[in-house]
Amino acid sequence: MLAYIARRLVAMVIMMFLISIASFVIIQLPPGDFLTTYVASQEQGSSVSIQQIEFLKQKYGLDQPFYVQYWRWISGIVFNGDFGYSFNWDKPVSELIWGQLGFTLLLSVATLLFAWAVSFPIGVYSAVKQYSIGDYIVSFIGFIGLAIPNFLLALVLMYIGFKYFGQSVGGLFSPEYRDAPFSLGKLWDLFKHLWVPIIVIGTAQTAELIRIMRANLLDELNKPYVTTARAKGMSEIRLIFKYPIRIALNPFVSTVGWVLPNLVSGAVIVSVVLNLPTVGPLLLNSLQSQDMYLAGAFILLLSVLTLVGTIVSDILLALLDPRIKLE
């Protein structure tokens, strides 16, 4: 197992190098850059100085060839943890990212745990009780969850929370705690606001995982080894949990590779609607304004999440299913 993990980590480093090149190429594909917008605003009487523009060009090599700019960017990340400078926010990119990343990871992990905790038992029940009234109800709710856009559900929950419960559901904190220092009261206020984005972001994911679990388990329940185990007198509960569920979890676990980055990047509109202090709105803003270093850092981090999620899912699959050989 350790040799397998070591090989995957080496492959991950190589893949990250290739992804970093692709990311840097992508963020430079649109014509112009953020400094072009700076120059335009200078011509319109903005307070941006020519000296500041020249300083930024020289510091980040924006007047240099592509490979020089890339080397300055990637070497700053690897050796100094410097992701560059956000021209739009007039701050270092690392300061912007780490300021929002904590809430983003908290929300993403909580949403993932919510989706798994809800979809696993419901998916098992729906498969075991196929074509029952409960199965039809669960299937109907699952299709509704897949069909309703997350931002629409966010608006509905915001209206219900404000009208019937008198609670401000926008953001992760009440106004009185938003800029307050950390305390038990602020922590409790965070948990009171956290359930809305968890439900909103996790609804579609939960509905999808329910359908995956149901389909996988139904496929296993109809195989000969299950019939043989029943014929030998094994109890139904022990049979289901010992064999079919364990094998049906394989595709369920393998979704970790794309669930993690999807929870971050796929919740951009929801974050804007709910005014969440996550990286989603920053990502959208950086792409709209061609804030190249901020956008490149986000693309790189999403790629890292994808690779990390893939490695985690592969290790879990190897532990879960003895038929999978690490070689």
C-alpha atoms as a PDB file:
ATOM      1  CA  MET A   1       0.000   0.000   0.000  1.00  0.00           C
ATOM      2  CA  LEU A   2       2.789   2.459   0.883  1.00  0.00           C
ATOM      3  CA  ALA A   3       4.575   1.788  -2.417  1.00  0.00           C
ATOM      4  CA  TYR A   4       1.298   2.333  -4.273  1.00  0.00           C
ATOM      5  CA  ILE A   5       0.689   5.653  -2.486  1.00  0.00           C
ATOM      6  CA  ALA A   6       4.268   6.762  -3.196  1.00  0.00           C
ATOM      7  CA  ARG A   7       3.859   6.005  -6.915  1.00  0.00           C
ATOM      8  CA  ARG A   8       0.581   7.909  -7.019  1.00  0.00           C
ATOM      9  CA  LEU A   9       2.133  10.921  -5.293  1.00  0.00           C
ATOM     10  CA  VAL A  10       4.967  11.016  -7.842  1.00  0.00           C
ATOM     11  CA  ALA A  11       2.444  10.801 -10.662  1.00  0.00           C
ATOM     12  CA  MET A  12       0.427  13.542  -8.957  1.00  0.00           C
ATOM     13  CA  VAL A  13       3.438  15.897  -8.927  1.00  0.00           C
ATOM     14  CA  ILE A  14       4.040  15.309 -12.646  1.00  0.00           C
ATOM     15  CA  MET A  15       0.357  15.827 -13.416  1.00  0.00           C
ATOM     16  CA  MET A  16       0.300  19.031 -11.368  1.00  0.00           C
ATOM     17  CA  PHE A  17       3.231  20.382 -13.377  1.00  0.00           C
ATOM     18  CA  LEU A  18       1.363  19.743 -16.634  1.00  0.00           C
ATOM     19  CA  ILE A  19      -1.865  21.190 -15.203  1.00  0.00           C
ATOM     20  CA  SER A  20      -0.044  24.328 -14.049  1.00  0.00           C
ATOM     21  CA  ILE A  21       1.181  24.927 -17.596  1.00  0.00           C
ATOM     22  CA  ALA A  22      -2.304  24.362 -19.008  1.00  0.00           C
ATOM     23  CA  SER A  23      -3.806  26.665 -16.361  1.00  0.00           C
ATOM     24  CA  PHE A  24      -1.367  29.452 -17.163  1.00  0.00           C
ATOM     25  CA  VAL A  25      -2.067  29.091 -20.889  1.00  0.00           C
ATOM     26  CA  ILE A  26      -5.834  29.177 -20.350  1.00  0.00           C
ATOM     27  CA  ILE A  27      -5.860  32.339 -18.239  1.00  0.00           C
ATOM     28  CA  GLN A  28      -3.797  34.123 -20.896  1.00  0.00           C
ATOM     29  CA  LEU A  29      -5.911  33.063 -23.876  1.00  0.00           C
ATOM     30  CA  PRO A  30      -8.379  36.023 -23.769  1.00  0.00           C
ATOM     31  CA  PRO A  31      -7.012  39.127 -25.513  1.00  0.00           C
ATOM     32  CA  GLY A  32      -5.510  41.738 -23.224  1.00  0.00           C
ATOM     33  CA  ASP A  33      -5.060  41.466 -19.470  1.00  0.00           C
ATOM     34  CA  PHE A  34      -6.037  43.269 -16.314  1.00  0.00           C
ATOM     35  CA  LEU A  35      -3.374  45.935 -16.802  1.00  0.00           C
ATOM     36  CA  THR A  36      -5.058  46.824 -20.085  1.00  0.00           C
ATOM     37  CA  THR A  37      -8.141  47.678 -18.052  1.00  0.00           C
ATOM     38  CA  TYR A  38      -5.899  49.650 -15.704  1.00  0.00           C
ATOM     39  CA  VAL A  39      -4.560  51.705 -18.592  1.00  0.00           C
ATOM     40  CA  ALA A  40      -8.106  52.329 -19.871  1.00  0.00           C
ATOM     41  CA  SER A  41      -9.197  53.533 -16.442  1.00  0.00           C
ATOM     42  CA  GLN A  42      -6.100  55.752 -16.304  1.00  0.00           C
ATOM     43  CA  GLU A  43      -7.190  57.415 -19.499  1.00  0.00           C
ATOM     44  CA  GLN A  44     -10.618  58.046 -17.945  1.00  0.00           C
ATOM     45  CA  GLY A  45      -9.085  59.958 -15.041  1.00  0.00           C
ATOM     46  CA  SER A  46      -8.643  57.162 -12.511  1.00  0.00           C
ATOM     47  CA  SER A  47      -6.149  57.481  -9.682  1.00  0.00           C
ATOM     48  CA  VAL A  48      -4.117  54.554 -11.029  1.00  0.00           C
ATOM     49  CA  SER A  49      -0.579  55.746 -11.721  1.00  0.00           C
ATOM     50  CA  ILE A  50       1.634  54.879 -14.649  1.00  0.00           C
ATOM     51  CA  GLN A  51       4.436  54.140 -12.175  1.00  0.00           C
ATOM     52  CA  GLN A  52       2.285  51.500 -10.480  1.00  0.00           C
ATOM     53  CA  ILE A  53       1.515  49.842 -13.809  1.00  0.00           C
ATOM     54  CA  GLU A  54       5.203  49.763 -14.761  1.00  0.00           C
ATOM     55  CA  PHE A  55       6.106  48.377 -11.333  1.00  0.00           C
ATOM     56  CA  LEU A  56       3.609  45.519 -11.723  1.00  0.00           C
ATOM     57  CA  LYS A  57       4.839  44.779 -15.239  1.00  0.00           C
ATOM     58  CA  GLN A  58       8.443  44.522 -14.090  1.00  0.00           C
ATOM     59  CA  LYS A  59       7.706  42.592 -10.894  1.00  0.00           C
ATOM     60  CA  TYR A  60       5.637  39.875 -12.548  1.00  0.00           C
ATOM     61  CA  GLY A  61       7.328  39.978 -15.931  1.00  0.00           C
ATOM     62  CA  LEU A  62       4.149  40.926 -17.780  1.00  0.00           C
ATOM     63  CA  ASP A  63       6.284  42.488 -20.503  1.00  0.00           C
ATOM     64  CA  GLN A  64       8.382  39.306 -20.779  1.00  0.00           C
ATOM     65  CA  PRO A  65       7.823  36.148 -22.905  1.00  0.00           C
ATOM     66  CA  PHE A  66       5.340  33.511 -21.765  1.00  0.00           C
ATOM     67  CA  TYR A  67       7.878  31.097 -20.300  1.00  0.00           C
ATOM     68  CA  VAL A  68       9.415  33.860 -18.142  1.00  0.00           C
ATOM     69  CA  GLN A  69       6.019  34.804 -16.748  1.00  0.00           C
ATOM     70  CA  TYR A  70       5.191  31.137 -16.072  1.00  0.00           C
ATOM     71  CA  TRP A  71       8.486  30.485 -14.296  1.00  0.00           C
ATOM     72  CA  ARG A  72       8.063  33.515 -12.026  1.00  0.00           C
ATOM     73  CA  TRP A  73       4.531  32.387 -11.177  1.00  0.00           C
ATOM     74  CA  ILE A  74       5.199  28.702 -10.532  1.00  0.00           C
ATOM     75  CA  SER A  75       8.536  29.258  -8.740  1.00  0.00           C
ATOM     76  CA  GLY A  76       6.869  31.775  -6.444  1.00  0.00           C
ATOM     77  CA  ILE A  77       4.201  29.204  -5.563  1.00  0.00           C
ATOM     78  CA  VAL A  78       6.617  26.298  -5.029  1.00  0.00           C
ATOM     79  CA  PHE A  79       9.418  28.077  -3.168  1.00  0.00           C
ATOM     80  CA  ASN A  80       7.679  30.993  -1.424  1.00  0.00           C
ATOM     81  CA  GLY A  81       3.974  30.150  -1.363  1.00  0.00           C
ATOM     82  CA  ASP A  82       3.407  33.323  -3.409  1.00  0.00           C
ATOM     83  CA  PHE A  83       0.482  32.853  -5.810  1.00  0.00           C
ATOM     84  CA  GLY A  84       0.976  36.282  -7.335  1.00  0.00           C
ATOM     85  CA  TYR A  85      -0.832  39.568  -6.958  1.00  0.00           C
ATOM     86  CA  SER A  86      -4.530  40.274  -7.449  1.00  0.00           C
ATOM     87  CA  PHE A  87      -4.691  43.451  -9.506  1.00  0.00           C
ATOM     88  CA  ASN A  88      -8.437  43.755  -8.999  1.00  0.00           C
ATOM     89  CA  TRP A  89      -8.349  43.540  -5.186  1.00  0.00           C
ATOM     90  CA  ASP A  90      -4.915  45.143  -4.829  1.00  0.00           C
ATOM     91  CA  LYS A  91      -3.840  42.340  -2.499  1.00  0.00           C
ATOM     92  CA  PRO A  92      -1.642  39.236  -2.640  1.00  0.00           C
ATOM     93  CA  VAL A  93      -3.579  36.248  -4.008  1.00  0.00           C
ATOM     94  CA  SER A  94      -2.586  34.067  -1.052  1.00  0.00           C
ATOM     95  CA  GLU A  95      -4.170  36.541   1.365  1.00  0.00           C
ATOM     96  CA  LEU A  96      -7.451  36.432  -0.553  1.00  0.00           C
ATOM     97  CA  ILE A  97      -7.503  32.654  -0.932  1.00  0.00           C
ATOM     98  CA  TRP A  98      -6.593  31.681   2.634  1.00  0.00           C
ATOM     99  CA  GLY A  99      -9.065  34.234   3.961  1.00  0.00           C
ATOM    100  CA  GLN A 100     -11.935  32.399   2.242  1.00  0.00           C
ATOM    101  CA  LEU A 101     -10.602  28.856   2.041  1.00  0.00           C
ATOM    102  CA  GLY A 102     -11.417  27.902   5.640  1.00  0.00           C
ATOM    103  CA  PHE A 103     -15.153  28.536   5.231  1.00  0.00           C
ATOM    104  CA  THR A 104     -15.080  26.893   1.804  1.00  0.00           C
ATOM    105  CA  LEU A 105     -13.516  23.684   3.133  1.00  0.00           C
ATOM    106  CA  LEU A 106     -15.871  23.640   6.128  1.00  0.00           C
ATOM    107  CA  LEU A 107     -18.901  24.010   3.869  1.00  0.00           C
ATOM    108  CA  SER A 108     -17.605  21.476   1.314  1.00  0.00           C
ATOM    109  CA  VAL A 109     -16.780  18.770   3.868  1.00  0.00           C
ATOM    110  CA  ALA A 110     -20.061  19.307   5.746  1.00  0.00           C
ATOM    111  CA  THR A 111     -22.005  19.107   2.469  1.00  0.00           C
ATOM    112  CA  LEU A 112     -20.185  15.938   1.428  1.00  0.00           C
ATOM    113  CA  LEU A 113     -20.872  14.263   4.795  1.00  0.00           C
ATOM    114  CA  PHE A 114     -24.516  15.347   4.599  1.00  0.00           C
ATOM    115  CA  ALA A 115     -24.868  13.902   1.087  1.00  0.00           C
ATOM    116  CA  TRP A 116     -23.329  10.583   2.100  1.00  0.00           C
ATOM    117  CA  ALA A 117     -25.236  10.299   5.391  1.00  0.00           C
ATOM    118  CA  VAL A 118     -28.580  10.885   3.672  1.00  0.00           C
ATOM    119  CA  SER A 119     -28.061   9.101   0.361  1.00  0.00           C
ATOM    120  CA  PHE A 120     -26.577   5.852   1.729  1.00  0.00           C
ATOM    121  CA  PRO A 121     -29.509   4.629   3.879  1.00  0.00           C
ATOM    122  CA  ILE A 122     -32.114   5.954   1.449  1.00  0.00           C
ATOM    123  CA  GLY A 123     -30.361   4.325  -1.518  1.00  0.00           C
ATOM    124  CA  VAL A 124     -30.154   0.982   0.323  1.00  0.00           C
ATOM    125  CA  TYR A 125     -33.825   1.158   1.329  1.00  0.00           C
ATOM    126  CA  SER A 126     -34.895   2.098  -2.184  1.00  0.00           C
ATOM    127  CA  ALA A 127     -33.056  -0.906  -3.652  1.00  0.00           C
ATOM    128  CA  VAL A 128     -34.123  -3.449  -1.054  1.00  0.00           C
ATOM    129  CA  LYS A 129     -37.763  -2.285  -1.216  1.00  0.00           C
ATOM    130  CA  GLN A 130     -37.849  -1.936  -4.997  1.00  0.00           C
ATOM    131  CA  TYR A 131     -41.208  -0.813  -6.450  1.00  0.00           C
ATOM    132  CA  SER A 132     -42.654  -0.218  -2.989  1.00  0.00           C
ATOM    133  CA  ILE A 133     -44.496   2.988  -2.060  1.00  0.00           C
ATOM    134  CA  GLY A 134     -41.392   4.191  -0.227  1.00  0.00           C
ATOM    135  CA  ASP A 135     -39.267   3.535  -3.317  1.00  0.00           C
ATOM    136  CA  TYR A 136     -41.625   5.554  -5.500  1.00  0.00           C
ATOM    137  CA  ILE A 137     -41.647   8.429  -3.000  1.00  0.00           C
ATOM    138  CA  VAL A 138     -37.858   8.450  -2.716  1.00  0.00           C
ATOM    139  CA  SER A 139     -37.467   8.286  -6.509  1.00  0.00           C
ATOM    140  CA  PHE A 140     -39.910  11.160  -6.984  1.00  0.00           C
ATOM    141  CA  ILE A 141     -38.107  13.325  -4.406  1.00  0.00           C
ATOM    142  CA  GLY A 142     -34.761  12.404  -5.991  1.00  0.00           C
ATOM    143  CA  PHE A 143     -35.909  13.499  -9.452  1.00  0.00           C
ATOM    144  CA  ILE A 144     -37.215  16.759  -7.980  1.00  0.00           C
ATOM    145  CA  GLY A 145     -33.848  17.313  -6.291  1.00  0.00           C
ATOM    146  CA  LEU A 146     -32.036  16.792  -9.585  1.00  0.00           C
ATOM    147  CA  ALA A 147     -34.413  19.048 -11.499  1.00  0.00           C
ATOM    148  CA  ILE A 148     -34.562  22.077  -9.185  1.00  0.00           C
ATOM    149  CA  PRO A 149     -31.656  24.524  -9.672  1.00  0.00           C
ATOM    150  CA  ASN A 150     -29.676  25.076  -6.483  1.00  0.00           C
ATOM    151  CA  PHE A 151     -29.969  28.860  -6.638  1.00  0.00           C
ATOM    152  CA  LEU A 152     -33.787  28.609  -6.879  1.00  0.00           C
ATOM    153  CA  LEU A 153     -33.883  26.380  -3.804  1.00  0.00           C
ATOM    154  CA  ALA A 154     -31.633  28.920  -2.050  1.00  0.00           C
ATOM    155  CA  LEU A 155     -34.115  31.729  -2.782  1.00  0.00           C
ATOM    156  CA  VAL A 156     -37.035  29.626  -1.517  1.00  0.00           C
ATOM    157  CA  LEU A 157     -35.268  28.727   1.742  1.00  0.00           C
ATOM    158  CA  MET A 158     -34.211  32.345   2.257  1.00  0.00           C
ATOM    159  CA  TYR A 159     -37.846  33.437   1.883  1.00  0.00           C
ATOM    160  CA  ILE A 160     -39.144  30.742   4.251  1.00  0.00           C
ATOM    161  CA  GLY A 161     -36.453  31.405   6.838  1.00  0.00           C
ATOM    162  CA  PHE A 162     -37.054  35.150   6.821  1.00  0.00           C
ATOM    163  CA  LYS A 163     -40.866  35.136   6.643  1.00  0.00           C
ATOM    164  CA  TYR A 164     -41.752  32.269   8.983  1.00  0.00           C
ATOM    165  CA  PHE A 165     -38.732  32.036  11.296  1.00  0.00           C
ATOM    166  CA  GLY A 166     -37.547  35.639  11.318  1.00  0.00           C
ATOM    167  CA  GLN A 167     -33.981  34.530  10.624  1.00  0.00           C
ATOM    168  CA  SER A 168     -31.516  36.144   8.251  1.00  0.00           C
ATOM    169  CA  VAL A 169     -30.204  33.234   6.204  1.00  0.00           C
ATOM    170  CA  GLY A 170     -27.881  35.183   3.925  1.00  0.00           C
ATOM    171  CA  GLY A 171     -24.211  34.616   4.703  1.00  0.00           C
ATOM    172  CA  LEU A 172     -22.805  32.417   7.446  1.00  0.00           C
ATOM    173  CA  PHE A 173     -23.183  34.886  10.313  1.00  0.00           C
ATOM    174  CA  SER A 174     -25.785  37.241  11.692  1.00  0.00           C
ATOM    175  CA  PRO A 175     -24.990  40.972  11.277  1.00  0.00           C
ATOM    176  CA  GLU A 176     -23.925  41.331  14.921  1.00  0.00           C
ATOM    177  CA  TYR A 177     -21.400  38.455  14.611  1.00  0.00           C
ATOM    178  CA  ARG A 178     -20.065  39.186  11.124  1.00  0.00           C
ATOM    179  CA  ASP A 179     -17.075  41.267  12.237  1.00  0.00           C
ATOM    180  CA  ALA A 180     -17.004  40.131  15.862  1.00  0.00           C
ATOM    181  CA  PRO A 181     -14.024  38.186  17.279  1.00  0.00           C
ATOM    182  CA  PHE A 182     -14.329  34.424  17.565  1.00  0.00           C
ATOM    183  CA  SER A 183     -16.411  33.175  20.503  1.00  0.00           C
ATOM    184  CA  LEU A 184     -18.795  30.366  21.419  1.00  0.00           C
ATOM    185  CA  GLY A 185     -21.689  32.635  20.474  1.00  0.00           C
ATOM    186  CA  LYS A 186     -20.212  33.233  17.023  1.00  0.00           C
ATOM    187  CA  LEU A 187     -19.587  29.497  16.593  1.00  0.00           C
ATOM    188  CA  TRP A 188     -23.195  28.712  17.494  1.00  0.00           C
ATOM    189  CA  ASP A 189     -24.385  31.411  15.101  1.00  0.00           C
ATOM    190  CA  LEU A 190     -22.285  29.805  12.347  1.00  0.00           C
ATOM    191  CA  PHE A 191     -23.941  26.417  12.916  1.00  0.00           C
ATOM    192  CA  LYS A 192     -27.380  28.054  12.840  1.00  0.00           C
ATOM    193  CA  HIS A 193     -26.656  29.515   9.399  1.00  0.00           C
ATOM    194  CA  LEU A 194     -24.732  26.551   8.022  1.00  0.00           C
ATOM    195  CA  TRP A 195     -27.707  24.257   7.454  1.00  0.00           C
ATOM    196  CA  VAL A 196     -29.176  26.352   4.631  1.00  0.00           C
ATOM    197  CA  PRO A 197     -26.135  26.242   2.267  1.00  0.00           C
ATOM    198  CA  ILE A 198     -25.534  22.575   3.186  1.00  0.00           C
ATOM    199  CA  ILE A 199     -29.068  21.621   2.123  1.00  0.00           C
ATOM    200  CA  VAL A 200     -29.004  23.859  -0.939  1.00  0.00           C
ATOM    201  CA  ILE A 201     -25.632  22.703  -2.265  1.00  0.00           C
ATOM    202  CA  GLY A 202     -26.047  19.078  -1.169  1.00  0.00           C
ATOM    203  CA  THR A 203     -29.555  18.475  -2.529  1.00  0.00           C
ATOM    204  CA  ALA A 204     -28.596  17.660  -6.117  1.00  0.00           C
ATOM    205  CA  GLN A 205     -25.547  15.692  -4.984  1.00  0.00           C
ATOM    206  CA  THR A 206     -27.641  13.681  -2.515  1.00  0.00           C
ATOM    207  CA  ALA A 207     -30.298  12.898  -5.122  1.00  0.00           C
ATOM    208  CA  GLU A 208     -27.636  11.753  -7.580  1.00  0.00           C
ATOM    209  CA  LEU A 209     -25.889   9.524  -5.032  1.00  0.00           C
ATOM    210  CA  ILE A 210     -29.224   7.942  -4.087  1.00  0.00           C
ATOM    211  CA  ARG A 211     -29.793   6.916  -7.706  1.00  0.00           C
ATOM    212  CA  ILE A 212     -26.217   5.605  -7.971  1.00  0.00           C
ATOM    213  CA  MET A 213     -26.495   3.561  -4.771  1.00  0.00           C
ATOM    214  CA  ARG A 214     -29.897   2.174  -5.752  1.00  0.00           C
ATOM    215  CA  ALA A 215     -28.770   1.121  -9.224  1.00  0.00           C
ATOM    216  CA  ASN A 216     -25.523  -0.473  -7.995  1.00  0.00           C
ATOM    217  CA  LEU A 217     -27.213  -2.403  -5.194  1.00  0.00           C
ATOM    218  CA  LEU A 218     -30.017  -3.640  -7.454  1.00  0.00           C
ATOM    219  CA  ASP A 219     -27.395  -4.958  -9.844  1.00  0.00           C
ATOM    220  CA  GLU A 220     -25.688  -6.888  -7.036  1.00  0.00           C
ATOM    221  CA  LEU A 221     -28.902  -8.238  -5.479  1.00  0.00           C
ATOM    222  CA  ASN A 222     -29.745 -10.037  -8.716  1.00  0.00           C
ATOM    223  CA  LYS A 223     -26.438 -11.893  -8.983  1.00  0.00           C
ATOM    224  CA  PRO A 224     -26.084 -15.666  -8.371  1.00  0.00           C
ATOM    225  CA  TYR A 225     -23.899 -15.357  -5.251  1.00  0.00           C
ATOM    226  CA  VAL A 226     -26.753 -13.585  -3.444  1.00  0.00           C
ATOM    227  CA  THR A 227     -29.187 -16.361  -4.385  1.00  0.00           C
ATOM    228  CA  THR A 228     -26.666 -18.953  -3.196  1.00  0.00           C
ATOM    229  CA  ALA A 229     -26.192 -17.181   0.160  1.00  0.00           C
ATOM    230  CA  ARG A 230     -29.957 -17.056   0.652  1.00  0.00           C
ATOM    231  CA  ALA A 231     -30.260 -20.759  -0.182  1.00  0.00           C
ATOM    232  CA  LYS A 232     -27.673 -21.538   2.510  1.00  0.00           C
ATOM    233  CA  GLY A 233     -29.865 -19.847   5.110  1.00  0.00           C
ATOM    234  CA  MET A 234     -27.954 -16.596   5.680  1.00  0.00           C
ATOM    235  CA  SER A 235     -30.127 -13.895   7.219  1.00  0.00           C
ATOM    236  CA  GLU A 236     -31.222 -11.121   4.866  1.00  0.00           C
ATOM    237  CA  ILE A 237     -29.676  -8.253   6.850  1.00  0.00           C
ATOM    238  CA  ARG A 238     -26.327 -10.000   7.255  1.00  0.00           C
ATOM    239  CA  LEU A 239     -26.327 -11.013   3.596  1.00  0.00           C
ATOM    240  CA  ILE A 240     -27.027  -7.493   2.313  1.00  0.00           C
ATOM    241  CA  PHE A 241     -24.409  -5.773   4.461  1.00  0.00           C
ATOM    242  CA  LYS A 242     -21.698  -8.404   4.087  1.00  0.00           C
ATOM    243  CA  TYR A 243     -21.630  -8.723   0.313  1.00  0.00           C
ATOM    244  CA  PRO A 244     -23.861  -6.620  -1.994  1.00  0.00           C
ATOM    245  CA  ILE A 245     -23.562  -3.288  -0.160  1.00  0.00           C
ATOM    246  CA  ARG A 246     -19.805  -3.599   0.124  1.00  0.00           C
ATOM    247  CA  ILE A 247     -19.460  -4.125  -3.625  1.00  0.00           C
ATOM    248  CA  ALA A 248     -22.132  -1.547  -4.514  1.00  0.00           C
ATOM    249  CA  LEU A 249     -20.169   1.100  -2.613  1.00  0.00           C
ATOM    250  CA  ASN A 250     -17.365   1.039  -5.206  1.00  0.00           C
ATOM    251  CA  PRO A 251     -18.867   3.617  -7.601  1.00  0.00           C
ATOM    252  CA  PHE A 252     -20.248   5.466  -4.575  1.00  0.00           C
ATOM    253  CA  VAL A 253     -16.747   5.956  -3.131  1.00  0.00           C
ATOM    254  CA  SER A 254     -15.162   6.676  -6.510  1.00  0.00           C
ATOM    255  CA  THR A 255     -17.206   9.902  -6.765  1.00  0.00           C
ATOM    256  CA  VAL A 256     -14.884  11.573  -4.245  1.00  0.00           C
ATOM    257  CA  GLY A 257     -12.520  12.492  -7.092  1.00  0.00           C
ATOM    258  CA  TRP A 258     -15.001  14.862  -8.719  1.00  0.00           C
ATOM    259  CA  VAL A 259     -17.251  15.708  -5.770  1.00  0.00           C
ATOM    260  CA  LEU A 260     -14.616  17.797  -3.929  1.00  0.00           C
ATOM    261  CA  PRO A 261     -13.835  20.271  -6.739  1.00  0.00           C
ATOM    262  CA  ASN A 262     -17.471  20.304  -7.824  1.00  0.00           C
ATOM    263  CA  LEU A 263     -18.580  21.399  -4.354  1.00  0.00           C
ATOM    264  CA  VAL A 264     -16.181  24.346  -4.586  1.00  0.00           C
ATOM    265  CA  SER A 265     -16.634  25.459  -8.183  1.00  0.00           C
ATOM    266  CA  GLY A 266     -20.227  24.307  -8.702  1.00  0.00           C
ATOM    267  CA  ALA A 267     -21.593  26.426  -5.857  1.00  0.00           C
ATOM    268  CA  VAL A 268     -20.564  29.782  -7.329  1.00  0.00           C
ATOM    269  CA  ILE A 269     -24.104  30.997  -8.064  1.00  0.00           C
ATOM    270  CA  VAL A 270     -25.380  29.705  -4.718  1.00  0.00           C
ATOM    271  CA  SER A 271     -22.550  31.522  -2.931  1.00  0.00           C
ATOM    272  CA  VAL A 272     -23.482  34.754  -4.690  1.00  0.00           C
ATOM    273  CA  VAL A 273     -27.206  34.337  -3.908  1.00  0.00           C
ATOM    274  CA  LEU A 274     -26.605  33.437  -0.258  1.00  0.00           C
ATOM    275  CA  ASN A 275     -23.728  35.915   0.151  1.00  0.00           C
ATOM    276  CA  LEU A 276     -21.388  33.191   1.407  1.00  0.00           C
ATOM    277  CA  PRO A 277     -17.769  34.081   2.272  1.00  0.00           C
ATOM    278  CA  THR A 278     -16.357  31.301   0.080  1.00  0.00           C
ATOM    279  CA  VAL A 279     -13.981  31.219  -2.863  1.00  0.00           C
ATOM    280  CA  GLY A 280     -16.849  30.879  -5.376  1.00  0.00           C
ATOM    281  CA  PRO A 281     -17.614  34.596  -5.837  1.00  0.00           C
ATOM    282  CA  LEU A 282     -13.884  35.356  -5.942  1.00  0.00           C
ATOM    283  CA  LEU A 283     -13.441  32.788  -8.719  1.00  0.00           C
ATOM    284  CA  LEU A 284     -16.291  34.296 -10.738  1.00  0.00           C
ATOM    285  CA  ASN A 285     -14.978  37.830 -10.241  1.00  0.00           C
ATOM    286  CA  SER A 286     -11.429  36.874 -11.229  1.00  0.00           C
ATOM    287  CA  LEU A 287     -12.607  35.285 -14.485  1.00  0.00           C
ATOM    288  CA  GLN A 288     -14.795  38.257 -15.375  1.00  0.00           C
ATOM    289  CA  SER A 289     -12.060  40.815 -14.724  1.00  0.00           C
ATOM    290  CA  GLN A 290      -9.181  38.727 -16.189  1.00  0.00           C
ATOM    291  CA  ASP A 291      -7.394  38.841 -12.841  1.00  0.00           C
ATOM    292  CA  MET A 292      -4.893  36.328 -14.163  1.00  0.00           C
ATOM    293  CA  TYR A 293      -3.024  35.299 -11.018  1.00  0.00           C
ATOM    294  CA  LEU A 294      -6.164  34.974  -8.908  1.00  0.00           C
ATOM    295  CA  ALA A 295      -7.926  32.947 -11.620  1.00  0.00           C
ATOM    296  CA  GLY A 296      -4.841  30.781 -12.186  1.00  0.00           C
ATOM    297  CA  ALA A 297      -4.530  30.058  -8.464  1.00  0.00           C
ATOM    298  CA  PHE A 298      -8.153  28.915  -8.300  1.00  0.00           C
ATOM    299  CA  ILE A 299      -7.785  26.672 -11.352  1.00  0.00           C
ATOM    300  CA  LEU A 300      -4.654  25.165  -9.810  1.00  0.00           C
ATOM    301  CA  LEU A 301      -6.346  24.573  -6.437  1.00  0.00           C
ATOM    302  CA  LEU A 302      -9.367  22.930  -8.086  1.00  0.00           C
ATOM    303  CA  SER A 303      -6.984  20.648  -9.966  1.00  0.00           C
ATOM    304  CA  VAL A 304      -5.226  19.746  -6.708  1.00  0.00           C
ATOM    305  CA  LEU A 305      -8.609  18.903  -5.143  1.00  0.00           C
ATOM    306  CA  THR A 306      -9.419  16.663  -8.099  1.00  0.00           C
ATOM    307  CA  LEU A 307      -6.118  14.784  -7.848  1.00  0.00           C
ATOM    308  CA  VAL A 308      -6.308  14.476  -4.049  1.00  0.00           C
ATOM    309  CA  GLY A 309      -9.911  13.270  -4.277  1.00  0.00           C
ATOM    310  CA  THR A 310      -8.931  10.696  -6.898  1.00  0.00           C
ATOM    311  CA  ILE A 311      -6.098   9.338  -4.752  1.00  0.00           C
ATOM    312  CA  VAL A 312      -8.351   9.159  -1.685  1.00  0.00           C
ATOM    313  CA  SER A 313     -11.073   7.339  -3.643  1.00  0.00           C
ATOM    314  CA  ASP A 314      -8.540   4.866  -5.082  1.00  0.00           C
ATOM    315  CA  ILE A 315      -7.172   4.059  -1.610  1.00  0.00           C
ATOM    316  CA  LEU A 316     -10.685   3.622  -0.208  1.00  0.00           C
ATOM    317  CA  LEU A 317     -11.608   1.350  -3.106  1.00  0.00           C
ATOM    318  CA  ALA A 318      -8.522  -0.803  -2.494  1.00  0.00           C
ATOM    319  CA  LEU A 319      -9.435  -1.138   1.194  1.00  0.00           C
ATOM    320  CA  LEU A 320     -13.106  -1.751   0.441  1.00  0.00           C
ATOM    321  CA  ASP A 321     -12.859  -4.352  -2.310  1.00  0.00           C
ATOM    322  CA  PRO A 322     -10.192  -7.088  -2.015  1.00  0.00           C
ATOM    323  CA  ARG A 323     -10.659  -7.886  -5.725  1.00  0.00           C
ATOM    324  CA  ILE A 324      -8.912  -4.607  -6.615  1.00  0.00           C
ATOM    325  CA  LYS A 325      -5.170  -5.097  -7.035  1.00  0.00           C
ATOM    326  CA  LEU A 326      -2.907  -2.136  -6.386  1.00  0.00           C
ATOM    327  CA  GLU A 327      -0.484  -3.332  -9.049  1.00  0.00           C
END
